[in-house]
C-alpha atoms as a PDB file:
ATOM      1  CA  MET A   1       0.000   0.000   0.000  1.00  0.00           C
ATOM      2  CA  SER A   2       1.507   3.293  -1.055  1.00  0.00           C
ATOM      3  CA  ILE A   3       1.685   6.359   1.164  1.00  0.00           C
ATOM      4  CA  GLY A   4      -0.789   8.166  -1.109  1.00  0.00           C
ATOM      5  CA  THR A   5      -3.375   5.414  -0.766  1.00  0.00           C
ATOM      6  CA  LEU A   6      -2.842   5.317   2.990  1.00  0.00           C
ATOM      7  CA  MET A   7      -3.354   9.082   3.272  1.00  0.00           C
ATOM      8  CA  LEU A   8      -6.490   8.933   1.112  1.00  0.00           C
ATOM      9  CA  ASN A   9      -7.911   6.146   3.292  1.00  0.00           C
ATOM     10  CA  LEU A  10      -7.111   8.097   6.451  1.00  0.00           C
ATOM     11  CA  ILE A  11      -8.756  11.259   5.094  1.00  0.00           C
ATOM     12  CA  THR A  12     -11.839   9.240   4.106  1.00  0.00           C
ATOM     13  CA  ILE A  13     -12.115   7.785   7.625  1.00  0.00           C
ATOM     14  CA  ILE A  14     -11.749  11.271   9.146  1.00  0.00           C
ATOM     15  CA  ILE A  15     -14.509  12.634   6.899  1.00  0.00           C
ATOM     16  CA  LEU A  16     -16.777   9.714   7.827  1.00  0.00           C
ATOM     17  CA  TYR A  17     -16.019  10.344  11.513  1.00  0.00           C
ATOM     18  CA  LEU A  18     -16.905  14.026  11.185  1.00  0.00           C
ATOM     19  CA  LEU A  19     -20.182  13.221   9.410  1.00  0.00           C
ATOM     20  CA  ILE A  20     -21.124  10.740  12.129  1.00  0.00           C
ATOM     21  CA  ALA A  21     -20.111  13.108  14.947  1.00  0.00           C
ATOM     22  CA  PHE A  22     -22.057  16.080  13.539  1.00  0.00           C
ATOM     23  CA  SER A  23     -25.100  13.880  12.880  1.00  0.00           C
ATOM     24  CA  TRP A  24     -24.884  12.527  16.429  1.00  0.00           C
ATOM     25  CA  GLN A  25     -24.668  16.051  17.876  1.00  0.00           C
ATOM     26  CA  GLY A  26     -27.612  17.176  15.750  1.00  0.00           C
ATOM     27  CA  ALA A  27     -29.677  14.255  17.008  1.00  0.00           C
ATOM     28  CA  GLU A  28     -28.760  15.075  20.616  1.00  0.00           C
ATOM     29  CA  ARG A  29     -29.738  18.706  20.127  1.00  0.00           C
ATOM     30  CA  LEU A  30     -33.030  17.663  18.532  1.00  0.00           C
ATOM     31  CA  ILE A  31     -33.897  15.031  21.153  1.00  0.00           C
ATOM     32  CA  TYR A  32     -32.450  16.533  24.370  1.00  0.00           C
ATOM     33  CA  GLY A  33     -32.274  20.219  23.463  1.00  0.00           C
ATOM     34  CA  LYS A  34     -28.533  20.369  24.170  1.00  0.00           C
ATOM     35  CA  ILE A  35     -25.305  18.671  23.152  1.00  0.00           C
ATOM     36  CA  THR A  36     -23.640  16.570  25.842  1.00  0.00           C
ATOM     37  CA  SER A  37     -20.083  15.566  24.996  1.00  0.00           C
ATOM     38  CA  ARG A  38     -19.017  12.136  26.236  1.00  0.00           C
ATOM     39  CA  ILE A  39     -15.939  10.036  25.543  1.00  0.00           C
ATOM     40  CA  ILE A  40     -18.098   7.037  24.645  1.00  0.00           C
ATOM     41  CA  ASP A  41     -19.690   9.055  21.823  1.00  0.00           C
ATOM     42  CA  ASP A  42     -16.249   9.611  20.289  1.00  0.00           C
ATOM     43  CA  VAL A  43     -15.259   5.960  20.671  1.00  0.00           C
ATOM     44  CA  VAL A  44     -18.470   4.727  19.051  1.00  0.00           C
ATOM     45  CA  ALA A  45     -18.143   7.257  16.207  1.00  0.00           C
ATOM     46  CA  ILE A  46     -14.562   6.170  15.466  1.00  0.00           C
ATOM     47  CA  ILE A  47     -15.499   2.478  15.492  1.00  0.00           C
ATOM     48  CA  LEU A  48     -18.506   3.165  13.269  1.00  0.00           C
ATOM     49  CA  ALA A  49     -16.434   5.245  10.813  1.00  0.00           C
ATOM     50  CA  VAL A  50     -13.776   2.521  10.472  1.00  0.00           C
ATOM     51  CA  SER A  51     -16.478  -0.148  10.123  1.00  0.00           C
ATOM     52  CA  ILE A  52     -18.316   1.780   7.402  1.00  0.00           C
ATOM     53  CA  PHE A  53     -15.041   2.443   5.568  1.00  0.00           C
ATOM     54  CA  THR A  54     -14.078  -1.225   5.724  1.00  0.00           C
ATOM     55  CA  ASN A  55     -17.474  -2.385   4.509  1.00  0.00           C
ATOM     56  CA  LEU A  56     -17.510   0.069   1.613  1.00  0.00           C
ATOM     57  CA  ASN A  57     -14.129  -1.143   0.387  1.00  0.00           C
END
């Protein structure tokens, strides 16, 4: 795997993570009326982003 491919994959995972995180925060604001930041939210979003990336490839 070349460095370019590795960087592209990493950028794709970061973009997926950001989409998941912003969607999650939007849902929290809609449901609870405020955004509550928790470590578990970040862990789940990272795992979900890597899982989605892996399944799409």
